[in-house]
Amino acid sequence: MFAQWIIDEQMTELASRLSQRGQTLELDIPIGVHPHGYDVWRNPEDYVSTVSIGAPPDDLTSQGQNWGSPRCTLTDAERTRTVSFARRCDSTCALRASYALTT
């Protein structure tokens, strides 16, 4: 938690300095969690461990991509949308989601 607090302080300061220069801080939204990581350990009911997320086939990867991250349940998706996204928006002005997910 201490490291997260320090990062939040630094991101808030950086966003403020950029804003003074007429710039914005833009971050990618992290997609997925490690299947044996803290999130899954702490809240296993929020994840479907028998299914992993990835990206659909495209010109570069005809088989698509399997990222090995467990799929979130609807409960977790609702919480993520209202809590995690709101937290990420505290110190940033723009977020970018660049992947379509498949299960």
PDB file of N, CA and C in Angstrom:
ATOM      1  N   MET A   1       0.820  -1.191   0.000  1.00  0.00           N
ATOM      2  CA  MET A   1       0.000   0.000   0.000  1.00  0.00           C
ATOM      3  C   MET A   1       0.867   1.259   0.000  1.00  0.00           C
ATOM      4  N   PHE A   2       2.015   1.215   0.681  1.00  0.00           N
ATOM      5  CA  PHE A   2       2.884   2.385   0.717  1.00  0.00           C
ATOM      6  C   PHE A   2       3.360   2.745  -0.695  1.00  0.00           C
ATOM      7  N   ALA A   3       3.762   1.716  -1.452  1.00  0.00           N
ATOM      8  CA  ALA A   3       4.237   1.968  -2.818  1.00  0.00           C
ATOM      9  C   ALA A   3       3.127   2.566  -3.677  1.00  0.00           C
ATOM     10  N   GLN A   4       1.906   2.072  -3.516  1.00  0.00           N
ATOM     11  CA  GLN A   4       0.787   2.617  -4.280  1.00  0.00           C
ATOM     12  C   GLN A   4       0.527   4.072  -3.910  1.00  0.00           C
ATOM     13  N   TRP A   5       0.668   4.396  -2.633  1.00  0.00           N
ATOM     14  CA  TRP A   5       0.470   5.775  -2.186  1.00  0.00           C
ATOM     15  C   TRP A   5       1.536   6.682  -2.801  1.00  0.00           C
ATOM     16  N   ILE A   6       2.789   6.235  -2.797  1.00  0.00           N
ATOM     17  CA  ILE A   6       3.876   7.025  -3.386  1.00  0.00           C
ATOM     18  C   ILE A   6       3.625   7.242  -4.880  1.00  0.00           C
ATOM     19  N   ILE A   7       3.232   6.180  -5.578  1.00  0.00           N
ATOM     20  CA  ILE A   7       2.955   6.305  -7.010  1.00  0.00           C
ATOM     21  C   ILE A   7       1.811   7.278  -7.253  1.00  0.00           C
ATOM     22  N   ASP A   8       0.767   7.205  -6.449  1.00  0.00           N
ATOM     23  CA  ASP A   8      -0.360   8.122  -6.596  1.00  0.00           C
ATOM     24  C   ASP A   8       0.088   9.568  -6.392  1.00  0.00           C
ATOM     25  N   GLU A   9       0.917   9.788  -5.371  1.00  0.00           N
ATOM     26  CA  GLU A   9       1.443  11.140  -5.128  1.00  0.00           C
ATOM     27  C   GLU A   9       2.237  11.632  -6.336  1.00  0.00           C
ATOM     28  N   GLN A  10       3.100  10.783  -6.867  1.00  0.00           N
ATOM     29  CA  GLN A  10       3.933  11.178  -8.006  1.00  0.00           C
ATOM     30  C   GLN A  10       3.102  11.412  -9.267  1.00  0.00           C
ATOM     31  N   MET A  11       2.100  10.562  -9.496  1.00  0.00           N
ATOM     32  CA  MET A  11       1.254  10.733 -10.679  1.00  0.00           C
ATOM     33  C   MET A  11       0.432  12.013 -10.585  1.00  0.00           C
ATOM     34  N   THR A  12      -0.058  12.318  -9.406  1.00  0.00           N
ATOM     35  CA  THR A  12      -0.830  13.546  -9.211  1.00  0.00           C
ATOM     36  C   THR A  12       0.051  14.765  -9.462  1.00  0.00           C
ATOM     37  N   GLU A  13       1.264  14.739  -8.953  1.00  0.00           N
ATOM     38  CA  GLU A  13       2.203  15.849  -9.163  1.00  0.00           C
ATOM     39  C   GLU A  13       2.552  15.983 -10.647  1.00  0.00           C
ATOM     40  N   LEU A  14       2.817  14.881 -11.301  1.00  0.00           N
ATOM     41  CA  LEU A  14       3.150  14.913 -12.726  1.00  0.00           C
ATOM     42  C   LEU A  14       1.985  15.464 -13.544  1.00  0.00           C
ATOM     43  N   ALA A  15       0.766  15.006 -13.254  1.00  0.00           N
ATOM     44  CA  ALA A  15      -0.411  15.491 -13.981  1.00  0.00           C
ATOM     45  C   ALA A  15      -0.578  16.994 -13.788  1.00  0.00           C
ATOM     46  N   SER A  16      -0.319  17.465 -12.587  1.00  0.00           N
ATOM     47  CA  SER A  16      -0.430  18.898 -12.305  1.00  0.00           C
ATOM     48  C   SER A  16       0.609  19.699 -13.087  1.00  0.00           C
ATOM     49  N   ARG A  17       1.834  19.231 -13.103  1.00  0.00           N
ATOM     50  CA  ARG A  17       2.896  19.935 -13.837  1.00  0.00           C
ATOM     51  C   ARG A  17       2.612  19.955 -15.339  1.00  0.00           C
ATOM     52  N   LEU A  18       2.133  18.836 -15.859  1.00  0.00           N
ATOM     53  CA  LEU A  18       1.794  18.783 -17.284  1.00  0.00           C
ATOM     54  C   LEU A  18       0.641  19.716 -17.609  1.00  0.00           C
ATOM     55  N   SER A  19      -0.344  19.765 -16.736  1.00  0.00           N
ATOM     56  CA  SER A  19      -1.497  20.636 -16.941  1.00  0.00           C
ATOM     57  C   SER A  19      -1.071  22.098 -17.020  1.00  0.00           C
ATOM     58  N   GLN A  20      -0.115  22.490 -16.209  1.00  0.00           N
ATOM     59  CA  GLN A  20       0.392  23.868 -16.238  1.00  0.00           C
ATOM     60  C   GLN A  20       1.054  24.193 -17.572  1.00  0.00           C
ATOM     61  N   ARG A  21       1.540  23.165 -18.263  1.00  0.00           N
ATOM     62  CA  ARG A  21       2.177  23.343 -19.564  1.00  0.00           C
ATOM     63  C   ARG A  21       1.201  23.118 -20.715  1.00  0.00           C
ATOM     64  N   GLY A  22      -0.079  22.896 -20.384  1.00  0.00           N
ATOM     65  CA  GLY A  22      -1.075  22.658 -21.422  1.00  0.00           C
ATOM     66  C   GLY A  22      -1.048  21.241 -21.968  1.00  0.00           C
ATOM     67  N   GLN A  23      -0.445  20.319 -21.229  1.00  0.00           N
ATOM     68  CA  GLN A  23      -0.357  18.931 -21.653  1.00  0.00           C
ATOM     69  C   GLN A  23      -1.206  18.052 -20.739  1.00  0.00           C
ATOM     70  N   THR A  24      -1.477  16.834 -21.190  1.00  0.00           N
ATOM     71  CA  THR A  24      -2.223  15.890 -20.364  1.00  0.00           C
ATOM     72  C   THR A  24      -1.408  14.617 -20.170  1.00  0.00           C
ATOM     73  N   LEU A  25      -1.657  13.969 -19.077  1.00  0.00           N
ATOM     74  CA  LEU A  25      -1.046  12.675 -18.788  1.00  0.00           C
ATOM     75  C   LEU A  25      -2.001  11.599 -19.304  1.00  0.00           C
ATOM     76  N   GLU A  26      -1.518  10.740 -20.186  1.00  0.00           N
ATOM     77  CA  GLU A  26      -2.352   9.701 -20.763  1.00  0.00           C
ATOM     78  C   GLU A  26      -1.757   8.340 -20.424  1.00  0.00           C
ATOM     79  N   LEU A  27      -2.604   7.417 -19.961  1.00  0.00           N
ATOM     80  CA  LEU A  27      -2.160   6.087 -19.560  1.00  0.00           C
ATOM     81  C   LEU A  27      -2.989   5.022 -20.242  1.00  0.00           C
ATOM     82  N   ASP A  28      -2.386   3.873 -20.486  1.00  0.00           N
ATOM     83  CA  ASP A  28      -3.139   2.707 -20.941  1.00  0.00           C
ATOM     84  C   ASP A  28      -3.827   2.093 -19.735  1.00  0.00           C
ATOM     85  N   ILE A  29      -4.979   1.505 -19.950  1.00  0.00           N
ATOM     86  CA  ILE A  29      -5.689   0.806 -18.892  1.00  0.00           C
ATOM     87  C   ILE A  29      -5.143  -0.616 -18.828  1.00  0.00           C
ATOM     88  N   PRO A  30      -4.610  -1.038 -17.691  1.00  0.00           N
ATOM     89  CA  PRO A  30      -4.130  -2.418 -17.618  1.00  0.00           C
ATOM     90  C   PRO A  30      -5.301  -3.395 -17.736  1.00  0.00           C
ATOM     91  N   ILE A  31      -5.125  -4.392 -18.558  1.00  0.00           N
ATOM     92  CA  ILE A  31      -6.167  -5.389 -18.771  1.00  0.00           C
ATOM     93  C   ILE A  31      -5.690  -6.710 -18.166  1.00  0.00           C
ATOM     94  N   GLY A  32      -6.502  -7.283 -17.308  1.00  0.00           N
ATOM     95  CA  GLY A  32      -6.211  -8.598 -16.770  1.00  0.00           C
ATOM     96  C   GLY A  32      -5.360  -8.589 -15.519  1.00  0.00           C
ATOM     97  N   VAL A  33      -5.318  -9.728 -14.874  1.00  0.00           N
ATOM     98  CA  VAL A  33      -4.524  -9.949 -13.671  1.00  0.00           C
ATOM     99  C   VAL A  33      -3.804 -11.277 -13.820  1.00  0.00           C
ATOM    100  N   HIS A  34      -2.783 -11.493 -13.018  1.00  0.00           N
ATOM    101  CA  HIS A  34      -2.072 -12.769 -13.041  1.00  0.00           C
ATOM    102  C   HIS A  34      -2.961 -13.836 -12.406  1.00  0.00           C
ATOM    103  N   PRO A  35      -3.057 -15.020 -13.026  1.00  0.00           N
ATOM    104  CA  PRO A  35      -3.958 -16.039 -12.493  1.00  0.00           C
ATOM    105  C   PRO A  35      -3.608 -16.512 -11.083  1.00  0.00           C
ATOM    106  N   HIS A  36      -2.371 -16.309 -10.658  1.00  0.00           N
ATOM    107  CA  HIS A  36      -1.964 -16.697  -9.299  1.00  0.00           C
ATOM    108  C   HIS A  36      -1.598 -15.480  -8.462  1.00  0.00           C
ATOM    109  N   GLY A  37      -2.059 -14.299  -8.896  1.00  0.00           N
ATOM    110  CA  GLY A  37      -1.730 -13.061  -8.203  1.00  0.00           C
ATOM    111  C   GLY A  37      -2.674 -12.738  -7.049  1.00  0.00           C
ATOM    112  N   TYR A  38      -2.426 -11.606  -6.436  1.00  0.00           N
ATOM    113  CA  TYR A  38      -3.173 -11.179  -5.254  1.00  0.00           C
ATOM    114  C   TYR A  38      -4.662 -11.011  -5.531  1.00  0.00           C
ATOM    115  N   ASP A  39      -5.001 -10.389  -6.658  1.00  0.00           N
ATOM    116  CA  ASP A  39      -6.414 -10.133  -6.958  1.00  0.00           C
ATOM    117  C   ASP A  39      -7.230 -11.422  -6.959  1.00  0.00           C
ATOM    118  N   VAL A  40      -6.712 -12.435  -7.625  1.00  0.00           N
ATOM    119  CA  VAL A  40      -7.425 -13.714  -7.714  1.00  0.00           C
ATOM    120  C   VAL A  40      -7.409 -14.425  -6.365  1.00  0.00           C
ATOM    121  N   TRP A  41      -6.295 -14.357  -5.657  1.00  0.00           N
ATOM    122  CA  TRP A  41      -6.206 -14.984  -4.339  1.00  0.00           C
ATOM    123  C   TRP A  41      -7.190 -14.347  -3.363  1.00  0.00           C
ATOM    124  N   ARG A  42      -7.267 -13.018  -3.371  1.00  0.00           N
ATOM    125  CA  ARG A  42      -8.096 -12.291  -2.407  1.00  0.00           C
ATOM    126  C   ARG A  42      -9.588 -12.396  -2.716  1.00  0.00           C
ATOM    127  N   ASN A  43      -9.932 -12.372  -4.009  1.00  0.00           N
ATOM    128  CA  ASN A  43     -11.340 -12.386  -4.422  1.00  0.00           C
ATOM    129  C   ASN A  43     -11.582 -13.429  -5.503  1.00  0.00           C
ATOM    130  N   PRO A  44     -11.418 -14.719  -5.203  1.00  0.00           N
ATOM    131  CA  PRO A  44     -11.558 -15.741  -6.245  1.00  0.00           C
ATOM    132  C   PRO A  44     -12.944 -15.780  -6.876  1.00  0.00           C
ATOM    133  N   GLU A  45     -13.958 -15.331  -6.142  1.00  0.00           N
ATOM    134  CA  GLU A  45     -15.314 -15.334  -6.697  1.00  0.00           C
ATOM    135  C   GLU A  45     -15.484 -14.301  -7.808  1.00  0.00           C
ATOM    136  N   ASP A  46     -14.544 -13.392  -7.942  1.00  0.00           N
ATOM    137  CA  ASP A  46     -14.622 -12.358  -8.970  1.00  0.00           C
ATOM    138  C   ASP A  46     -14.009 -12.788 -10.304  1.00  0.00           C
ATOM    139  N   TYR A  47     -13.468 -14.006 -10.363  1.00  0.00           N
ATOM    140  CA  TYR A  47     -12.775 -14.461 -11.572  1.00  0.00           C
ATOM    141  C   TYR A  47     -13.220 -15.854 -11.971  1.00  0.00           C
ATOM    142  N   VAL A  48     -13.221 -16.085 -13.278  1.00  0.00           N
ATOM    143  CA  VAL A  48     -13.526 -17.406 -13.822  1.00  0.00           C
ATOM    144  C   VAL A  48     -12.183 -18.025 -14.199  1.00  0.00           C
ATOM    145  N   SER A  49     -11.698 -18.938 -13.366  1.00  0.00           N
ATOM    146  CA  SER A  49     -10.349 -19.474 -13.554  1.00  0.00           C
ATOM    147  C   SER A  49     -10.231 -20.463 -14.706  1.00  0.00           C
ATOM    148  N   THR A  50     -11.344 -20.949 -15.211  1.00  0.00           N
ATOM    149  CA  THR A  50     -11.305 -21.923 -16.311  1.00  0.00           C
ATOM    150  C   THR A  50     -11.282 -21.260 -17.690  1.00  0.00           C
ATOM    151  N   VAL A  51     -11.343 -19.935 -17.724  1.00  0.00           N
ATOM    152  CA  VAL A  51     -11.358 -19.182 -18.981  1.00  0.00           C
ATOM    153  C   VAL A  51     -10.329 -18.070 -18.874  1.00  0.00           C
ATOM    154  N   SER A  52      -9.584 -17.837 -19.960  1.00  0.00           N
ATOM    155  CA  SER A  52      -8.638 -16.719 -19.947  1.00  0.00           C
ATOM    156  C   SER A  52      -8.979 -15.736 -21.058  1.00  0.00           C
ATOM    157  N   ILE A  53      -8.543 -14.502 -20.888  1.00  0.00           N
ATOM    158  CA  ILE A  53      -8.831 -13.461 -21.874  1.00  0.00           C
ATOM    159  C   ILE A  53      -7.679 -13.342 -22.860  1.00  0.00           C
ATOM    160  N   GLY A  54      -7.947 -12.672 -23.963  1.00  0.00           N
ATOM    161  CA  GLY A  54      -6.936 -12.460 -24.989  1.00  0.00           C
ATOM    162  C   GLY A  54      -7.458 -11.513 -26.050  1.00  0.00           C
ATOM    163  N   ALA A  55      -6.827 -11.537 -27.190  1.00  0.00           N
ATOM    164  CA  ALA A  55      -7.224 -10.678 -28.307  1.00  0.00           C
ATOM    165  C   ALA A  55      -7.651 -11.564 -29.474  1.00  0.00           C
ATOM    166  N   PRO A  56      -8.623 -11.112 -30.244  1.00  0.00           N
ATOM    167  CA  PRO A  56      -9.085 -11.910 -31.386  1.00  0.00           C
ATOM    168  C   PRO A  56      -8.029 -11.966 -32.496  1.00  0.00           C
ATOM    169  N   PRO A  57      -8.173 -12.892 -33.428  1.00  0.00           N
ATOM    170  CA  PRO A  57      -7.235 -12.958 -34.560  1.00  0.00           C
ATOM    171  C   PRO A  57      -7.206 -11.647 -35.340  1.00  0.00           C
ATOM    172  N   ASP A  58      -6.049 -11.337 -35.896  1.00  0.00           N
ATOM    173  CA  ASP A  58      -5.899 -10.158 -36.744  1.00  0.00           C
ATOM    174  C   ASP A  58      -4.825 -10.442 -37.794  1.00  0.00           C
ATOM    175  N   ASP A  59      -4.387  -9.415 -38.510  1.00  0.00           N
ATOM    176  CA  ASP A  59      -3.401  -9.606 -39.575  1.00  0.00           C
ATOM    177  C   ASP A  59      -2.056 -10.110 -39.046  1.00  0.00           C
ATOM    178  N   LEU A  60      -1.709  -9.793 -37.811  1.00  0.00           N
ATOM    179  CA  LEU A  60      -0.417 -10.202 -37.251  1.00  0.00           C
ATOM    180  C   LEU A  60      -0.470 -11.553 -36.550  1.00  0.00           C
ATOM    181  N   THR A  61      -1.590 -11.875 -35.948  1.00  0.00           N
ATOM    182  CA  THR A  61      -1.716 -13.134 -35.205  1.00  0.00           C
ATOM    183  C   THR A  61      -2.991 -13.849 -35.646  1.00  0.00           C
ATOM    184  N   SER A  62      -2.844 -14.747 -36.589  1.00  0.00           N
ATOM    185  CA  SER A  62      -4.019 -15.416 -37.151  1.00  0.00           C
ATOM    186  C   SER A  62      -4.741 -16.297 -36.132  1.00  0.00           C
ATOM    187  N   GLN A  63      -4.063 -16.717 -35.085  1.00  0.00           N
ATOM    188  CA  GLN A  63      -4.687 -17.527 -34.043  1.00  0.00           C
ATOM    189  C   GLN A  63      -5.221 -16.673 -32.893  1.00  0.00           C
ATOM    190  N   GLY A  64      -4.986 -15.374 -32.934  1.00  0.00           N
ATOM    191  CA  GLY A  64      -5.352 -14.524 -31.813  1.00  0.00           C
ATOM    192  C   GLY A  64      -4.319 -14.636 -30.702  1.00  0.00           C
ATOM    193  N   GLN A  65      -4.617 -14.079 -29.554  1.00  0.00           N
ATOM    194  CA  GLN A  65      -3.686 -14.098 -28.430  1.00  0.00           C
ATOM    195  C   GLN A  65      -4.391 -14.603 -27.179  1.00  0.00           C
ATOM    196  N   ASN A  66      -3.707 -15.431 -26.424  1.00  0.00           N
ATOM    197  CA  ASN A  66      -4.196 -15.877 -25.127  1.00  0.00           C
ATOM    198  C   ASN A  66      -3.268 -15.279 -24.084  1.00  0.00           C
ATOM    199  N   TRP A  67      -3.774 -14.337 -23.304  1.00  0.00           N
ATOM    200  CA  TRP A  67      -2.931 -13.642 -22.336  1.00  0.00           C
ATOM    201  C   TRP A  67      -2.812 -14.385 -21.015  1.00  0.00           C
ATOM    202  N   GLY A  68      -3.606 -15.426 -20.824  1.00  0.00           N
ATOM    203  CA  GLY A  68      -3.504 -16.212 -19.606  1.00  0.00           C
ATOM    204  C   GLY A  68      -4.133 -15.584 -18.383  1.00  0.00           C
ATOM    205  N   SER A  69      -4.800 -14.454 -18.528  1.00  0.00           N
ATOM    206  CA  SER A  69      -5.460 -13.789 -17.403  1.00  0.00           C
ATOM    207  C   SER A  69      -6.880 -14.319 -17.258  1.00  0.00           C
ATOM    208  N   PRO A  70      -7.300 -14.641 -16.039  1.00  0.00           N
ATOM    209  CA  PRO A  70      -8.666 -15.128 -15.869  1.00  0.00           C
ATOM    210  C   PRO A  70      -9.684 -14.035 -16.181  1.00  0.00           C
ATOM    211  N   ARG A  71     -10.829 -14.463 -16.703  1.00  0.00           N
ATOM    212  CA  ARG A  71     -11.901 -13.518 -17.028  1.00  0.00           C
ATOM    213  C   ARG A  71     -12.583 -13.056 -15.745  1.00  0.00           C
ATOM    214  N   CYS A  72     -12.933 -11.786 -15.698  1.00  0.00           N
ATOM    215  CA  CYS A  72     -13.661 -11.235 -14.555  1.00  0.00           C
ATOM    216  C   CYS A  72     -15.125 -11.629 -14.626  1.00  0.00           C
ATOM    217  N   THR A  73     -15.719 -11.802 -13.470  1.00  0.00           N
ATOM    218  CA  THR A  73     -17.158 -12.015 -13.416  1.00  0.00           C
ATOM    219  C   THR A  73     -17.840 -10.664 -13.556  1.00  0.00           C
ATOM    220  N   LEU A  74     -19.136 -10.654 -13.780  1.00  0.00           N
ATOM    221  CA  LEU A  74     -19.879  -9.408 -13.915  1.00  0.00           C
ATOM    222  C   LEU A  74     -19.734  -8.552 -12.662  1.00  0.00           C
ATOM    223  N   THR A  75     -19.727  -9.181 -11.505  1.00  0.00           N
ATOM    224  CA  THR A  75     -19.568  -8.437 -10.250  1.00  0.00           C
ATOM    225  C   THR A  75     -18.278  -7.631 -10.263  1.00  0.00           C
ATOM    226  N   ASP A  76     -17.189  -8.254 -10.682  1.00  0.00           N
ATOM    227  CA  ASP A  76     -15.912  -7.544 -10.717  1.00  0.00           C
ATOM    228  C   ASP A  76     -15.913  -6.458 -11.782  1.00  0.00           C
ATOM    229  N   ALA A  77     -16.538  -6.731 -12.934  1.00  0.00           N
ATOM    230  CA  ALA A  77     -16.589  -5.728 -13.993  1.00  0.00           C
ATOM    231  C   ALA A  77     -17.336  -4.490 -13.511  1.00  0.00           C
ATOM    232  N   GLU A  78     -18.417  -4.676 -12.792  1.00  0.00           N
ATOM    233  CA  GLU A  78     -19.159  -3.533 -12.262  1.00  0.00           C
ATOM    234  C   GLU A  78     -18.310  -2.751 -11.266  1.00  0.00           C
ATOM    235  N   ARG A  79     -17.616  -3.453 -10.387  1.00  0.00           N
ATOM    236  CA  ARG A  79     -16.775  -2.778  -9.398  1.00  0.00           C
ATOM    237  C   ARG A  79     -15.619  -2.058 -10.090  1.00  0.00           C
ATOM    238  N   THR A  80     -15.016  -2.705 -11.083  1.00  0.00           N
ATOM    239  CA  THR A  80     -13.915  -2.091 -11.810  1.00  0.00           C
ATOM    240  C   THR A  80     -14.366  -0.795 -12.475  1.00  0.00           C
ATOM    241  N   ARG A  81     -15.528  -0.860 -13.109  1.00  0.00           N
ATOM    242  CA  ARG A  81     -16.027   0.314 -13.820  1.00  0.00           C
ATOM    243  C   ARG A  81     -16.248   1.491 -12.873  1.00  0.00           C
ATOM    244  N   THR A  82     -16.753   1.226 -11.679  1.00  0.00           N
ATOM    245  CA  THR A  82     -17.101   2.330 -10.794  1.00  0.00           C
ATOM    246  C   THR A  82     -15.989   2.732  -9.846  1.00  0.00           C
ATOM    247  N   VAL A  83     -15.085   1.811  -9.499  1.00  0.00           N
ATOM    248  CA  VAL A  83     -14.049   2.136  -8.522  1.00  0.00           C
ATOM    249  C   VAL A  83     -12.689   2.310  -9.170  1.00  0.00           C
ATOM    250  N   SER A  84     -12.183   1.272  -9.827  1.00  0.00           N
ATOM    251  CA  SER A  84     -10.836   1.338 -10.378  1.00  0.00           C
ATOM    252  C   SER A  84     -10.696   2.418 -11.441  1.00  0.00           C
ATOM    253  N   PHE A  85     -11.655   2.508 -12.361  1.00  0.00           N
ATOM    254  CA  PHE A  85     -11.571   3.538 -13.383  1.00  0.00           C
ATOM    255  C   PHE A  85     -11.628   4.923 -12.761  1.00  0.00           C
ATOM    256  N   ALA A  86     -12.464   5.097 -11.763  1.00  0.00           N
ATOM    257  CA  ALA A  86     -12.552   6.399 -11.095  1.00  0.00           C
ATOM    258  C   ALA A  86     -11.225   6.751 -10.437  1.00  0.00           C
ATOM    259  N   ARG A  87     -10.581   5.775  -9.820  1.00  0.00           N
ATOM    260  CA  ARG A  87      -9.275   6.038  -9.194  1.00  0.00           C
ATOM    261  C   ARG A  87      -8.231   6.422 -10.228  1.00  0.00           C
ATOM    262  N   ARG A  88      -8.232   5.720 -11.369  1.00  0.00           N
ATOM    263  CA  ARG A  88      -7.254   6.034 -12.408  1.00  0.00           C
ATOM    264  C   ARG A  88      -7.493   7.424 -12.983  1.00  0.00           C
ATOM    265  N   CYS A  89      -8.732   7.864 -12.983  1.00  0.00           N
ATOM    266  CA  CYS A  89      -9.053   9.169 -13.543  1.00  0.00           C
ATOM    267  C   CYS A  89      -8.707  10.310 -12.588  1.00  0.00           C
ATOM    268  N   ASP A  90      -8.435  10.009 -11.335  1.00  0.00           N
ATOM    269  CA  ASP A  90      -8.113  11.058 -10.374  1.00  0.00           C
ATOM    270  C   ASP A  90      -6.931  11.898 -10.825  1.00  0.00           C
ATOM    271  N   SER A  91      -5.875  11.268 -11.374  1.00  0.00           N
ATOM    272  CA  SER A  91      -4.679  12.022 -11.717  1.00  0.00           C
ATOM    273  C   SER A  91      -4.400  12.041 -13.211  1.00  0.00           C
ATOM    274  N   THR A  92      -5.310  11.511 -14.014  1.00  0.00           N
ATOM    275  CA  THR A  92      -5.097  11.535 -15.456  1.00  0.00           C
ATOM    276  C   THR A  92      -6.314  12.138 -16.150  1.00  0.00           C
ATOM    277  N   CYS A  93      -6.071  12.652 -17.328  1.00  0.00           N
ATOM    278  CA  CYS A  93      -7.165  13.257 -18.088  1.00  0.00           C
ATOM    279  C   CYS A  93      -7.636  12.360 -19.212  1.00  0.00           C
ATOM    280  N   ALA A  94      -6.839  11.394 -19.611  1.00  0.00           N
ATOM    281  CA  ALA A  94      -7.212  10.541 -20.731  1.00  0.00           C
ATOM    282  C   ALA A  94      -6.800   9.109 -20.455  1.00  0.00           C
ATOM    283  N   LEU A  95      -7.666   8.180 -20.804  1.00  0.00           N
ATOM    284  CA  LEU A  95      -7.380   6.752 -20.699  1.00  0.00           C
ATOM    285  C   LEU A  95      -7.585   6.125 -22.074  1.00  0.00           C
ATOM    286  N   ARG A  96      -6.805   5.113 -22.390  1.00  0.00           N
ATOM    287  CA  ARG A  96      -6.901   4.481 -23.699  1.00  0.00           C
ATOM    288  C   ARG A  96      -7.040   2.976 -23.524  1.00  0.00           C
ATOM    289  N   ALA A  97      -8.081   2.424 -24.112  1.00  0.00           N
ATOM    290  CA  ALA A  97      -8.231   0.974 -24.171  1.00  0.00           C
ATOM    291  C   ALA A  97      -7.967   0.567 -25.611  1.00  0.00           C
ATOM    292  N   SER A  98      -6.961  -0.258 -25.836  1.00  0.00           N
ATOM    293  CA  SER A  98      -6.572  -0.526 -27.208  1.00  0.00           C
ATOM    294  C   SER A  98      -6.794  -1.965 -27.651  1.00  0.00           C
ATOM    295  N   TYR A  99      -7.478  -2.762 -26.841  1.00  0.00           N
ATOM    296  CA  TYR A  99      -7.695  -4.150 -27.206  1.00  0.00           C
ATOM    297  C   TYR A  99      -9.159  -4.528 -27.113  1.00  0.00           C
ATOM    298  N   ALA A 100      -9.595  -5.359 -28.038  1.00  0.00           N
ATOM    299  CA  ALA A 100     -10.890  -6.013 -27.933  1.00  0.00           C
ATOM    300  C   ALA A 100     -10.633  -7.360 -27.294  1.00  0.00           C
ATOM    301  N   LEU A 101     -11.385  -7.712 -26.281  1.00  0.00           N
ATOM    302  CA  LEU A 101     -11.121  -8.951 -25.564  1.00  0.00           C
ATOM    303  C   LEU A 101     -12.015 -10.068 -26.041  1.00  0.00           C
ATOM    304  N   THR A 102     -11.490 -11.273 -26.012  1.00  0.00           N
ATOM    305  CA  THR A 102     -12.267 -12.457 -26.327  1.00  0.00           C
ATOM    306  C   THR A 102     -12.113 -13.444 -25.186  1.00  0.00           C
ATOM    307  N   THR A 103     -13.071 -14.318 -25.034  1.00  0.00           N
ATOM    308  CA  THR A 103     -12.957 -15.366 -24.005  1.00  0.00           C
ATOM    309  C   THR A 103     -12.998 -16.731 -24.648  1.00  0.00           C
TER     310      THR A 103
END
